[in-house]
Structures are given as structure tokens and as C-alpha cells.
Amino acid sequence: MNGGYNVAEFFPQLFFIGTDGGGEAYAFNISGCDTTVFEVPFIGTPSDARMVASSFDSFVAGVRI
């Protein structure tokens, strides 16, 4: 799906991993060796990305079902 959303073109330092079911995507920072997770609006720019967890484990721990 990253290819279909042109993520490499518009968000070259991110890899989208999922969505909230609305207008937000969740993404890993792939520019380094960290596992920071960001929330990104589907209609937005890289400056709209906001860090939501410092690691995948902390992201999963914060998910409410």
C-alpha cells in the first residue's frame, strides 16, 4: 500500500504501517535505526507528522481496544 500512496515520494523518511480507520496513518521512521512511530494525516505533509511513540513496543502498549 505504501506504493499506492506514493509514500516514498511524499514522506521519504517514513514507512506507513497502518491506519486508525479514519484519516490518519501510522508510520515508522526509516531514516535511522530507531523505531519511532508517527501519526500522519493521509492528506498532509511531512511537517504534519507527529511522534506518538518512541518505539513499536510502546506504541502497541498504548493501543486501546
N, C-alpha and C. Protein backbone atom coordinates (compact mmCIF):
# COMPACT_ATOMS: atom_id res chain seq x y z
N MET A 1 0.82 -1.21 0.00
CA MET A 1 0.00 0.00 0.00
C MET A 1 0.86 1.27 0.00
N ASN A 2 2.10 1.18 0.51
CA ASN A 2 2.96 2.36 0.52
C ASN A 2 3.17 2.88 -0.90
N GLY A 3 3.31 1.96 -1.86
CA GLY A 3 3.48 2.37 -3.26
C GLY A 3 2.26 3.09 -3.79
N GLY A 4 1.08 2.60 -3.45
CA GLY A 4 -0.17 3.21 -3.90
C GLY A 4 -0.38 4.60 -3.34
N TYR A 5 0.13 4.85 -2.17
CA TYR A 5 0.02 6.16 -1.54
C TYR A 5 1.20 7.07 -1.87
N ASN A 6 2.15 6.59 -2.68
CA ASN A 6 3.35 7.35 -3.03
C ASN A 6 4.11 7.83 -1.80
N VAL A 7 4.18 6.98 -0.81
CA VAL A 7 4.84 7.35 0.45
C VAL A 7 6.30 7.73 0.21
N ALA A 8 7.02 6.97 -0.61
CA ALA A 8 8.44 7.27 -0.86
C ALA A 8 8.63 8.66 -1.46
N GLU A 9 7.66 9.11 -2.23
CA GLU A 9 7.76 10.44 -2.84
C GLU A 9 7.42 11.55 -1.86
N PHE A 10 6.32 11.37 -1.13
CA PHE A 10 5.83 12.45 -0.27
C PHE A 10 6.34 12.39 1.17
N PHE A 11 6.67 11.19 1.65
CA PHE A 11 7.17 11.00 3.01
C PHE A 11 8.39 10.09 2.96
N PRO A 12 9.50 10.52 2.35
CA PRO A 12 10.63 9.62 2.09
C PRO A 12 11.29 9.01 3.33
N GLN A 13 11.08 9.59 4.49
CA GLN A 13 11.71 9.06 5.69
C GLN A 13 10.76 8.19 6.51
N LEU A 14 9.56 7.93 5.97
CA LEU A 14 8.57 7.15 6.71
C LEU A 14 8.13 5.93 5.92
N PHE A 15 7.69 4.89 6.66
CA PHE A 15 7.08 3.71 6.07
C PHE A 15 5.77 3.49 6.81
N PHE A 16 4.65 3.62 6.10
CA PHE A 16 3.34 3.50 6.73
C PHE A 16 3.08 2.05 7.12
N ILE A 17 2.56 1.85 8.33
CA ILE A 17 2.31 0.50 8.83
C ILE A 17 0.84 0.22 9.08
N GLY A 18 -0.01 1.25 9.04
CA GLY A 18 -1.42 1.04 9.30
C GLY A 18 -2.16 2.35 9.38
N THR A 19 -3.42 2.26 9.78
CA THR A 19 -4.28 3.42 9.85
C THR A 19 -5.17 3.32 11.09
N ASP A 20 -5.76 4.44 11.45
CA ASP A 20 -6.70 4.44 12.57
C ASP A 20 -8.12 4.17 12.08
N GLY A 21 -8.28 3.90 10.79
CA GLY A 21 -9.60 3.67 10.22
C GLY A 21 -10.27 4.96 9.77
N GLY A 22 -9.62 6.07 10.01
CA GLY A 22 -10.13 7.38 9.60
C GLY A 22 -9.13 8.04 8.68
N GLY A 23 -8.72 9.22 9.01
CA GLY A 23 -7.83 9.98 8.14
C GLY A 23 -6.38 9.98 8.55
N GLU A 24 -6.00 9.12 9.50
CA GLU A 24 -4.63 9.12 10.00
C GLU A 24 -3.93 7.79 9.71
N ALA A 25 -2.67 7.88 9.33
CA ALA A 25 -1.84 6.69 9.14
C ALA A 25 -0.81 6.64 10.26
N TYR A 26 -0.30 5.45 10.52
CA TYR A 26 0.80 5.28 11.46
C TYR A 26 2.01 4.83 10.67
N ALA A 27 3.18 5.34 11.03
CA ALA A 27 4.37 5.10 10.23
C ALA A 27 5.61 4.99 11.10
N PHE A 28 6.56 4.19 10.59
CA PHE A 28 7.90 4.12 11.20
C PHE A 28 8.80 5.12 10.53
N ASN A 29 9.71 5.67 11.31
CA ASN A 29 10.80 6.48 10.76
C ASN A 29 11.84 5.50 10.24
N ILE A 30 12.13 5.53 8.94
CA ILE A 30 13.11 4.60 8.36
C ILE A 30 14.41 5.29 8.01
N SER A 31 14.60 6.52 8.46
CA SER A 31 15.82 7.25 8.13
C SER A 31 16.98 6.91 9.06
N GLY A 32 16.71 6.21 10.13
CA GLY A 32 17.76 5.85 11.08
C GLY A 32 17.53 4.46 11.61
N CYS A 33 18.10 4.16 12.74
CA CYS A 33 17.95 2.82 13.30
C CYS A 33 16.98 2.80 14.48
N ASP A 34 16.23 3.88 14.69
CA ASP A 34 15.25 3.87 15.77
C ASP A 34 13.93 3.28 15.27
N THR A 35 13.00 3.10 16.17
CA THR A 35 11.69 2.55 15.80
C THR A 35 10.58 3.52 16.20
N THR A 36 10.86 4.80 16.10
CA THR A 36 9.88 5.83 16.43
C THR A 36 8.64 5.66 15.55
N VAL A 37 7.46 5.81 16.16
CA VAL A 37 6.20 5.69 15.43
C VAL A 37 5.55 7.07 15.35
N PHE A 38 5.09 7.42 14.15
CA PHE A 38 4.47 8.71 13.90
C PHE A 38 3.02 8.51 13.47
N GLU A 39 2.20 9.52 13.75
CA GLU A 39 0.84 9.60 13.21
C GLU A 39 0.88 10.68 12.13
N VAL A 40 0.34 10.35 10.95
CA VAL A 40 0.42 11.24 9.80
C VAL A 40 -0.95 11.34 9.14
N PRO A 41 -1.45 12.56 8.90
CA PRO A 41 -2.70 12.67 8.16
C PRO A 41 -2.51 12.20 6.72
N PHE A 42 -3.49 11.45 6.18
CA PHE A 42 -3.38 11.00 4.80
C PHE A 42 -3.30 12.18 3.84
N ILE A 43 -3.97 13.26 4.17
CA ILE A 43 -3.84 14.48 3.37
C ILE A 43 -3.03 15.44 4.22
N GLY A 44 -1.73 15.46 3.98
CA GLY A 44 -0.85 16.28 4.79
C GLY A 44 0.54 16.32 4.19
N THR A 45 1.44 16.87 4.95
CA THR A 45 2.83 17.00 4.54
C THR A 45 3.72 16.38 5.62
N PRO A 46 5.00 16.15 5.33
CA PRO A 46 5.89 15.60 6.36
C PRO A 46 5.90 16.42 7.65
N SER A 47 5.69 17.72 7.55
CA SER A 47 5.69 18.54 8.76
C SER A 47 4.46 18.28 9.64
N ASP A 48 3.45 17.62 9.08
CA ASP A 48 2.25 17.28 9.85
C ASP A 48 2.42 16.01 10.68
N ALA A 49 3.48 15.25 10.41
CA ALA A 49 3.73 14.01 11.16
C ALA A 49 4.02 14.35 12.62
N ARG A 50 3.43 13.57 13.51
CA ARG A 50 3.66 13.81 14.94
C ARG A 50 4.03 12.50 15.60
N MET A 51 5.08 12.53 16.41
CA MET A 51 5.53 11.33 17.09
C MET A 51 4.48 10.91 18.12
N VAL A 52 4.11 9.62 18.09
CA VAL A 52 3.13 9.11 19.05
C VAL A 52 3.73 8.06 19.98
N ALA A 53 4.91 7.54 19.62
CA ALA A 53 5.57 6.55 20.48
C ALA A 53 7.05 6.51 20.14
N SER A 54 7.86 6.26 21.14
CA SER A 54 9.31 6.21 20.93
C SER A 54 9.78 4.86 20.43
N SER A 55 8.89 3.86 20.46
CA SER A 55 9.23 2.53 19.96
C SER A 55 7.94 1.81 19.57
N PHE A 56 8.08 0.75 18.79
CA PHE A 56 6.91 -0.04 18.41
C PHE A 56 6.27 -0.66 19.65
N ASP A 57 7.09 -1.15 20.56
CA ASP A 57 6.57 -1.77 21.79
C ASP A 57 5.72 -0.77 22.59
N SER A 58 6.19 0.46 22.72
CA SER A 58 5.41 1.45 23.48
C SER A 58 4.17 1.86 22.71
N PHE A 59 4.22 1.84 21.38
CA PHE A 59 3.03 2.11 20.57
C PHE A 59 1.97 1.05 20.83
N VAL A 60 2.36 -0.22 20.75
CA VAL A 60 1.42 -1.33 20.98
C VAL A 60 0.87 -1.29 22.40
N ALA A 61 1.71 -0.96 23.36
CA ALA A 61 1.26 -0.90 24.75
C ALA A 61 0.21 0.18 24.96
N GLY A 62 0.24 1.22 24.14
CA GLY A 62 -0.69 2.33 24.29
C GLY A 62 -1.97 2.17 23.49
N VAL A 63 -2.06 1.13 22.66
CA VAL A 63 -3.26 0.92 21.85
C VAL A 63 -4.40 0.44 22.73
N ARG A 64 -5.54 1.08 22.58
CA ARG A 64 -6.73 0.70 23.34
C ARG A 64 -7.69 -0.01 22.42
N ILE A 65 -8.15 -1.16 22.85
CA ILE A 65 -9.10 -1.94 22.03
C ILE A 65 -10.50 -1.70 22.51
